[in-house]
Amino acid sequence: MSQSPLLPVKIFVLGNGSLLDEGICSMLTLHSQLNITRIAYTDDDTLSGLKHLEYPCTVFINEFDLLNVTRAIKVAFSAPPAFFRRVIVAHIENSMVDVYYRSTTHVPAMAYQRVSVMVNSKEELIDLVLNEFCFA
């Protein structure tokens, strides 16, 4: 019995072209299962326009590149569920990333849930991007 190949995980790195964006892209491209695309963020339409590209995907954001990360997360999760699985926000000052997932509950006020994770190496970052978290 042959095993089907793993599909690539689509990652959009949304930013302004900073050194952190470049570093994140360089680290993530080390893994052959990750398909990385850099997107220059100019406004909410940039993020909304991504839903017409390949999906499902993860959006990776450097918190210092955007004026309003919360707004970007809300825009991402306003798309139909099939488009954006999660949004990962990098915090450069403390090696933490916040992973936002669509809520599995039906509470209208809560569109997404967040998990904060400490990332200390490129391997941990790649593992984080490849693996899904489960919420209880």
N, C-alpha and C. Protein backbone atom coordinates (compact mmCIF):
# COMPACT_ATOMS: atom_id res chain seq x y z
N MET A 1 0.84 -1.17 0.00
CA MET A 1 0.00 0.00 0.00
C MET A 1 0.89 1.24 0.00
N SER A 2 0.64 2.15 -0.94
CA SER A 2 1.46 3.35 -0.98
C SER A 2 0.84 4.44 -0.12
N GLN A 3 1.69 5.23 0.44
CA GLN A 3 1.27 6.33 1.31
C GLN A 3 1.18 7.60 0.48
N SER A 4 0.08 8.36 0.63
CA SER A 4 -0.05 9.59 -0.15
C SER A 4 0.89 10.65 0.41
N PRO A 5 1.46 11.47 -0.45
CA PRO A 5 2.37 12.51 0.02
C PRO A 5 1.60 13.56 0.83
N LEU A 6 2.29 14.16 1.78
CA LEU A 6 1.67 15.21 2.59
C LEU A 6 1.51 16.47 1.76
N LEU A 7 0.35 17.09 1.90
CA LEU A 7 0.12 18.34 1.19
C LEU A 7 0.90 19.45 1.87
N PRO A 8 1.40 20.42 1.10
CA PRO A 8 2.12 21.52 1.73
C PRO A 8 1.18 22.37 2.58
N VAL A 9 1.74 22.92 3.63
CA VAL A 9 1.01 23.83 4.51
C VAL A 9 1.26 25.24 3.98
N LYS A 10 0.20 25.93 3.61
CA LYS A 10 0.30 27.26 3.03
C LYS A 10 0.42 28.29 4.14
N ILE A 11 1.48 29.09 4.12
CA ILE A 11 1.72 30.13 5.11
C ILE A 11 1.88 31.46 4.39
N PHE A 12 1.11 32.47 4.81
CA PHE A 12 1.29 33.83 4.33
C PHE A 12 1.98 34.61 5.44
N VAL A 13 3.16 35.16 5.17
CA VAL A 13 3.85 36.02 6.13
C VAL A 13 3.49 37.44 5.75
N LEU A 14 2.69 38.06 6.60
CA LEU A 14 2.15 39.39 6.33
C LEU A 14 2.99 40.41 7.07
N GLY A 15 3.53 41.38 6.36
CA GLY A 15 4.36 42.38 7.03
C GLY A 15 4.73 43.52 6.11
N ASN A 16 5.74 44.27 6.54
CA ASN A 16 6.17 45.44 5.76
C ASN A 16 7.55 45.25 5.17
N GLY A 17 8.04 44.02 5.15
CA GLY A 17 9.36 43.77 4.58
C GLY A 17 10.49 43.94 5.57
N SER A 18 10.20 43.86 6.85
CA SER A 18 11.21 44.07 7.89
C SER A 18 12.20 42.90 7.94
N LEU A 19 13.25 43.10 8.68
CA LEU A 19 14.24 42.05 8.89
C LEU A 19 13.62 40.85 9.60
N LEU A 20 12.69 41.09 10.53
CA LEU A 20 11.99 40.00 11.20
C LEU A 20 11.18 39.19 10.20
N ASP A 21 10.48 39.87 9.29
CA ASP A 21 9.73 39.15 8.25
C ASP A 21 10.67 38.25 7.44
N GLU A 22 11.80 38.80 7.06
CA GLU A 22 12.79 38.05 6.28
C GLU A 22 13.29 36.84 7.06
N GLY A 23 13.57 37.04 8.35
CA GLY A 23 14.05 35.95 9.19
C GLY A 23 13.02 34.85 9.36
N ILE A 24 11.77 35.24 9.57
CA ILE A 24 10.69 34.26 9.71
C ILE A 24 10.56 33.45 8.43
N CYS A 25 10.56 34.13 7.28
CA CYS A 25 10.47 33.43 5.99
C CYS A 25 11.64 32.48 5.80
N SER A 26 12.84 32.93 6.12
CA SER A 26 14.03 32.09 5.95
C SER A 26 13.96 30.85 6.82
N MET A 27 13.52 31.02 8.06
CA MET A 27 13.41 29.85 8.95
C MET A 27 12.35 28.88 8.46
N LEU A 28 11.21 29.40 8.06
CA LEU A 28 10.11 28.53 7.67
C LEU A 28 10.38 27.80 6.35
N THR A 29 11.13 28.42 5.45
CA THR A 29 11.41 27.76 4.17
C THR A 29 12.37 26.58 4.34
N LEU A 30 12.96 26.41 5.52
CA LEU A 30 13.84 25.26 5.76
C LEU A 30 13.08 23.94 5.74
N HIS A 31 11.78 23.99 5.92
CA HIS A 31 10.98 22.76 5.94
C HIS A 31 10.26 22.61 4.61
N SER A 32 10.44 21.46 3.97
CA SER A 32 9.89 21.25 2.63
C SER A 32 8.37 21.19 2.61
N GLN A 33 7.73 20.92 3.73
CA GLN A 33 6.27 20.82 3.74
C GLN A 33 5.59 22.20 3.83
N LEU A 34 6.37 23.24 4.08
CA LEU A 34 5.80 24.58 4.22
C LEU A 34 5.93 25.35 2.91
N ASN A 35 4.84 25.93 2.46
CA ASN A 35 4.80 26.75 1.27
C ASN A 35 4.63 28.20 1.73
N ILE A 36 5.70 28.99 1.68
CA ILE A 36 5.73 30.33 2.26
C ILE A 36 5.55 31.39 1.17
N THR A 37 4.67 32.35 1.44
CA THR A 37 4.47 33.50 0.56
C THR A 37 4.53 34.75 1.40
N ARG A 38 5.41 35.68 1.02
CA ARG A 38 5.47 36.98 1.70
C ARG A 38 4.47 37.92 1.06
N ILE A 39 3.71 38.59 1.90
CA ILE A 39 2.70 39.53 1.43
C ILE A 39 2.96 40.86 2.11
N ALA A 40 3.10 41.91 1.32
CA ALA A 40 3.27 43.25 1.89
C ALA A 40 1.90 43.74 2.35
N TYR A 41 1.80 44.04 3.64
CA TYR A 41 0.54 44.50 4.20
C TYR A 41 0.43 46.00 4.01
N THR A 42 -0.61 46.43 3.31
CA THR A 42 -0.84 47.85 3.13
C THR A 42 -2.12 48.31 3.82
N ASP A 43 -3.14 47.44 3.80
CA ASP A 43 -4.41 47.77 4.47
C ASP A 43 -5.22 46.48 4.62
N ASP A 44 -6.42 46.61 5.17
CA ASP A 44 -7.28 45.44 5.39
C ASP A 44 -7.62 44.72 4.10
N ASP A 45 -7.67 45.45 2.99
CA ASP A 45 -7.98 44.81 1.71
C ASP A 45 -6.92 43.80 1.32
N THR A 46 -5.67 44.03 1.73
CA THR A 46 -4.59 43.08 1.46
C THR A 46 -4.94 41.73 2.07
N LEU A 47 -5.35 41.74 3.32
CA LEU A 47 -5.69 40.50 4.02
C LEU A 47 -6.97 39.90 3.47
N SER A 48 -7.96 40.72 3.22
CA SER A 48 -9.23 40.21 2.66
C SER A 48 -8.99 39.57 1.29
N GLY A 49 -8.08 40.13 0.52
CA GLY A 49 -7.80 39.60 -0.80
C GLY A 49 -7.15 38.22 -0.78
N LEU A 50 -6.52 37.85 0.31
CA LEU A 50 -5.86 36.55 0.39
C LEU A 50 -6.86 35.40 0.34
N LYS A 51 -8.10 35.64 0.74
CA LYS A 51 -9.08 34.55 0.76
C LYS A 51 -9.41 34.06 -0.65
N HIS A 52 -8.99 34.80 -1.67
CA HIS A 52 -9.23 34.37 -3.04
C HIS A 52 -8.07 33.54 -3.58
N LEU A 53 -7.03 33.39 -2.77
CA LEU A 53 -5.87 32.60 -3.18
C LEU A 53 -6.04 31.17 -2.67
N GLU A 54 -4.93 30.46 -2.56
CA GLU A 54 -4.98 29.09 -2.07
C GLU A 54 -5.41 29.04 -0.61
N TYR A 55 -6.12 27.99 -0.25
CA TYR A 55 -6.57 27.84 1.13
C TYR A 55 -6.72 26.37 1.43
N PRO A 56 -6.83 25.92 2.65
CA PRO A 56 -6.75 26.73 3.88
C PRO A 56 -5.32 27.14 4.15
N CYS A 57 -5.16 28.16 4.94
CA CYS A 57 -3.81 28.66 5.19
C CYS A 57 -3.69 29.21 6.60
N THR A 58 -2.45 29.51 6.94
CA THR A 58 -2.12 30.19 8.19
C THR A 58 -1.52 31.53 7.82
N VAL A 59 -1.87 32.55 8.57
CA VAL A 59 -1.30 33.88 8.37
C VAL A 59 -0.33 34.13 9.52
N PHE A 60 0.89 34.52 9.21
CA PHE A 60 1.92 34.80 10.21
C PHE A 60 2.18 36.31 10.19
N ILE A 61 2.05 36.96 11.34
CA ILE A 61 2.18 38.41 11.42
C ILE A 61 3.26 38.78 12.44
N ASN A 62 4.10 39.72 12.06
CA ASN A 62 5.04 40.35 12.99
C ASN A 62 4.28 41.49 13.64
N GLU A 63 4.10 41.45 14.96
CA GLU A 63 3.24 42.45 15.63
C GLU A 63 3.71 43.88 15.42
N PHE A 64 4.98 44.10 15.14
CA PHE A 64 5.49 45.45 14.98
C PHE A 64 5.26 46.00 13.57
N ASP A 65 4.89 45.15 12.64
CA ASP A 65 4.66 45.60 11.28
C ASP A 65 3.28 46.22 11.07
N LEU A 66 2.33 45.84 11.89
CA LEU A 66 0.96 46.31 11.70
C LEU A 66 0.59 47.29 12.80
N LEU A 67 -0.16 48.30 12.43
CA LEU A 67 -0.62 49.26 13.43
C LEU A 67 -1.65 48.64 14.36
N ASN A 68 -2.46 47.72 13.84
CA ASN A 68 -3.51 47.15 14.64
C ASN A 68 -3.64 45.66 14.37
N VAL A 69 -2.91 44.85 15.14
CA VAL A 69 -2.92 43.41 14.97
C VAL A 69 -4.31 42.85 15.22
N THR A 70 -5.00 43.37 16.24
CA THR A 70 -6.34 42.88 16.56
C THR A 70 -7.27 43.05 15.37
N ARG A 71 -7.17 44.18 14.71
CA ARG A 71 -8.00 44.43 13.52
C ARG A 71 -7.67 43.41 12.42
N ALA A 72 -6.40 43.14 12.20
CA ALA A 72 -5.99 42.18 11.17
C ALA A 72 -6.53 40.79 11.49
N ILE A 73 -6.51 40.40 12.75
CA ILE A 73 -7.03 39.09 13.14
C ILE A 73 -8.53 39.03 12.88
N LYS A 74 -9.25 40.07 13.24
CA LYS A 74 -10.70 40.10 13.00
C LYS A 74 -11.01 40.03 11.51
N VAL A 75 -10.24 40.73 10.69
CA VAL A 75 -10.45 40.68 9.24
C VAL A 75 -10.20 39.26 8.73
N ALA A 76 -9.13 38.62 9.19
CA ALA A 76 -8.83 37.26 8.75
C ALA A 76 -9.96 36.31 9.11
N PHE A 77 -10.47 36.42 10.32
CA PHE A 77 -11.51 35.49 10.75
C PHE A 77 -12.91 35.89 10.30
N SER A 78 -13.02 37.01 9.59
CA SER A 78 -14.32 37.36 9.02
C SER A 78 -14.55 36.62 7.70
N ALA A 79 -13.48 36.04 7.16
CA ALA A 79 -13.59 35.24 5.94
C ALA A 79 -14.26 33.91 6.29
N PRO A 80 -14.83 33.22 5.30
CA PRO A 80 -15.42 31.91 5.59
C PRO A 80 -14.39 30.97 6.22
N PRO A 81 -14.84 30.04 7.07
CA PRO A 81 -13.92 29.16 7.82
C PRO A 81 -12.94 28.37 6.96
N ALA A 82 -13.28 28.12 5.72
CA ALA A 82 -12.39 27.31 4.88
C ALA A 82 -11.11 28.05 4.50
N PHE A 83 -11.06 29.37 4.66
CA PHE A 83 -9.91 30.12 4.18
C PHE A 83 -8.78 30.23 5.18
N PHE A 84 -9.04 30.75 6.35
CA PHE A 84 -7.97 30.95 7.32
C PHE A 84 -8.19 30.04 8.52
N ARG A 85 -7.24 29.13 8.75
CA ARG A 85 -7.33 28.24 9.90
C ARG A 85 -6.89 28.94 11.17
N ARG A 86 -5.81 29.69 11.03
CA ARG A 86 -5.27 30.35 12.22
C ARG A 86 -4.38 31.51 11.83
N VAL A 87 -4.13 32.36 12.82
CA VAL A 87 -3.23 33.51 12.66
C VAL A 87 -2.19 33.39 13.76
N ILE A 88 -0.92 33.51 13.40
CA ILE A 88 0.18 33.46 14.36
C ILE A 88 0.80 34.85 14.40
N VAL A 89 0.92 35.41 15.60
CA VAL A 89 1.50 36.74 15.77
C VAL A 89 2.81 36.59 16.55
N ALA A 90 3.91 37.08 15.98
CA ALA A 90 5.23 37.01 16.62
C ALA A 90 5.48 38.27 17.44
N HIS A 91 5.98 38.07 18.65
CA HIS A 91 6.37 39.17 19.54
C HIS A 91 7.90 39.12 19.68
N ILE A 92 8.58 40.03 19.07
CA ILE A 92 10.04 39.98 19.02
C ILE A 92 10.69 40.21 20.39
N GLU A 93 10.03 40.96 21.27
CA GLU A 93 10.68 41.33 22.52
C GLU A 93 10.81 40.18 23.51
N ASN A 94 10.03 39.10 23.35
CA ASN A 94 10.08 38.04 24.36
C ASN A 94 10.01 36.63 23.80
N SER A 95 10.22 36.43 22.52
CA SER A 95 10.20 35.11 21.88
C SER A 95 8.87 34.39 22.02
N MET A 96 7.82 35.14 22.28
CA MET A 96 6.48 34.55 22.39
C MET A 96 5.76 34.71 21.06
N VAL A 97 4.91 33.76 20.77
CA VAL A 97 3.98 33.90 19.66
C VAL A 97 2.59 33.62 20.20
N ASP A 98 1.62 34.33 19.67
CA ASP A 98 0.23 34.07 19.98
C ASP A 98 -0.37 33.37 18.78
N VAL A 99 -1.04 32.25 19.04
CA VAL A 99 -1.69 31.49 17.99
C VAL A 99 -3.19 31.66 18.17
N TYR A 100 -3.83 32.23 17.18
CA TYR A 100 -5.28 32.47 17.21
C TYR A 100 -5.95 31.45 16.30
N TYR A 101 -6.96 30.76 16.85
CA TYR A 101 -7.73 29.77 16.11
C TYR A 101 -9.18 30.19 16.07
N ARG A 102 -9.85 29.77 15.03
CA ARG A 102 -11.30 29.98 15.00
C ARG A 102 -11.91 29.26 16.18
N SER A 103 -12.86 29.89 16.80
CA SER A 103 -13.54 29.29 17.93
C SER A 103 -14.35 28.08 17.48
N THR A 104 -14.30 27.04 18.27
CA THR A 104 -15.11 25.87 17.98
C THR A 104 -16.45 25.95 18.71
N THR A 105 -16.60 26.96 19.55
CA THR A 105 -17.87 27.16 20.24
C THR A 105 -18.79 27.98 19.35
N HIS A 106 -20.02 28.04 19.71
CA HIS A 106 -20.98 28.80 18.93
C HIS A 106 -21.36 30.10 19.62
N VAL A 107 -20.46 30.62 20.44
CA VAL A 107 -20.71 31.87 21.13
C VAL A 107 -20.40 33.01 20.16
N PRO A 108 -21.39 33.79 19.75
CA PRO A 108 -21.16 34.82 18.73
C PRO A 108 -20.11 35.86 19.11
N ALA A 109 -19.99 36.19 20.39
CA ALA A 109 -19.05 37.23 20.80
C ALA A 109 -17.60 36.76 20.70
N MET A 110 -17.37 35.46 20.60
CA MET A 110 -16.00 34.94 20.59
C MET A 110 -15.69 34.31 19.23
N ALA A 111 -15.06 35.06 18.37
CA ALA A 111 -14.78 34.58 17.02
C ALA A 111 -13.52 33.72 16.97
N TYR A 112 -12.63 33.89 17.94
CA TYR A 112 -11.39 33.13 17.93
C TYR A 112 -10.89 32.92 19.35
N GLN A 113 -9.96 31.96 19.46
CA GLN A 113 -9.32 31.66 20.74
C GLN A 113 -7.82 31.85 20.56
N ARG A 114 -7.12 32.11 21.67
CA ARG A 114 -5.69 32.38 21.60
C ARG A 114 -4.92 31.48 22.56
N VAL A 115 -3.77 31.03 22.09
CA VAL A 115 -2.80 30.30 22.91
C VAL A 115 -1.47 31.02 22.74
N SER A 116 -0.78 31.33 23.83
CA SER A 116 0.55 31.94 23.78
C SER A 116 1.60 30.85 23.99
N VAL A 117 2.63 30.87 23.16
CA VAL A 117 3.65 29.83 23.18
C VAL A 117 5.03 30.48 23.13
N MET A 118 5.96 29.99 23.94
CA MET A 118 7.35 30.44 23.90
C MET A 118 8.07 29.64 22.81
N VAL A 119 8.75 30.33 21.92
CA VAL A 119 9.48 29.68 20.83
C VAL A 119 10.95 30.06 20.97
N ASN A 120 11.81 29.05 21.14
CA ASN A 120 13.23 29.31 21.38
C ASN A 120 14.16 28.90 20.24
N SER A 121 13.62 28.24 19.21
CA SER A 121 14.48 27.79 18.12
C SER A 121 13.67 27.71 16.83
N LYS A 122 14.39 27.62 15.72
CA LYS A 122 13.69 27.51 14.43
C LYS A 122 12.91 26.21 14.36
N GLU A 123 13.43 25.15 14.97
CA GLU A 123 12.71 23.88 14.98
C GLU A 123 11.38 24.01 15.72
N GLU A 124 11.38 24.72 16.84
CA GLU A 124 10.13 24.93 17.58
C GLU A 124 9.15 25.77 16.77
N LEU A 125 9.66 26.76 16.04
CA LEU A 125 8.79 27.59 15.21
C LEU A 125 8.16 26.74 14.10
N ILE A 126 8.95 25.93 13.45
CA ILE A 126 8.44 25.06 12.39
C ILE A 126 7.44 24.07 12.94
N ASP A 127 7.74 23.46 14.10
CA ASP A 127 6.79 22.54 14.73
C ASP A 127 5.48 23.23 15.05
N LEU A 128 5.56 24.46 15.54
CA LEU A 128 4.36 25.22 15.86
C LEU A 128 3.51 25.45 14.62
N VAL A 129 4.15 25.80 13.51
CA VAL A 129 3.42 26.07 12.28
C VAL A 129 2.81 24.79 11.70
N LEU A 130 3.51 23.67 11.83
CA LEU A 130 3.02 22.41 11.28
C LEU A 130 1.92 21.77 12.11
N ASN A 131 1.95 21.96 13.41
CA ASN A 131 1.02 21.26 14.29
C ASN A 131 -0.17 22.12 14.67
N GLU A 132 -1.28 21.47 14.84
CA GLU A 132 -2.51 22.13 15.25
C GLU A 132 -2.69 21.95 16.75
N PHE A 133 -3.26 22.96 17.41
CA PHE A 133 -3.61 22.86 18.82
C PHE A 133 -5.07 22.46 18.92
N CYS A 134 -5.39 21.76 19.98
CA CYS A 134 -6.79 21.42 20.24
C CYS A 134 -7.23 22.18 21.49
N PHE A 135 -8.40 22.77 21.40
CA PHE A 135 -8.96 23.47 22.55
C PHE A 135 -9.99 22.58 23.21
N ALA A 136 -9.98 22.59 24.51
CA ALA A 136 -10.97 21.80 25.24
C ALA A 136 -12.27 22.57 25.35
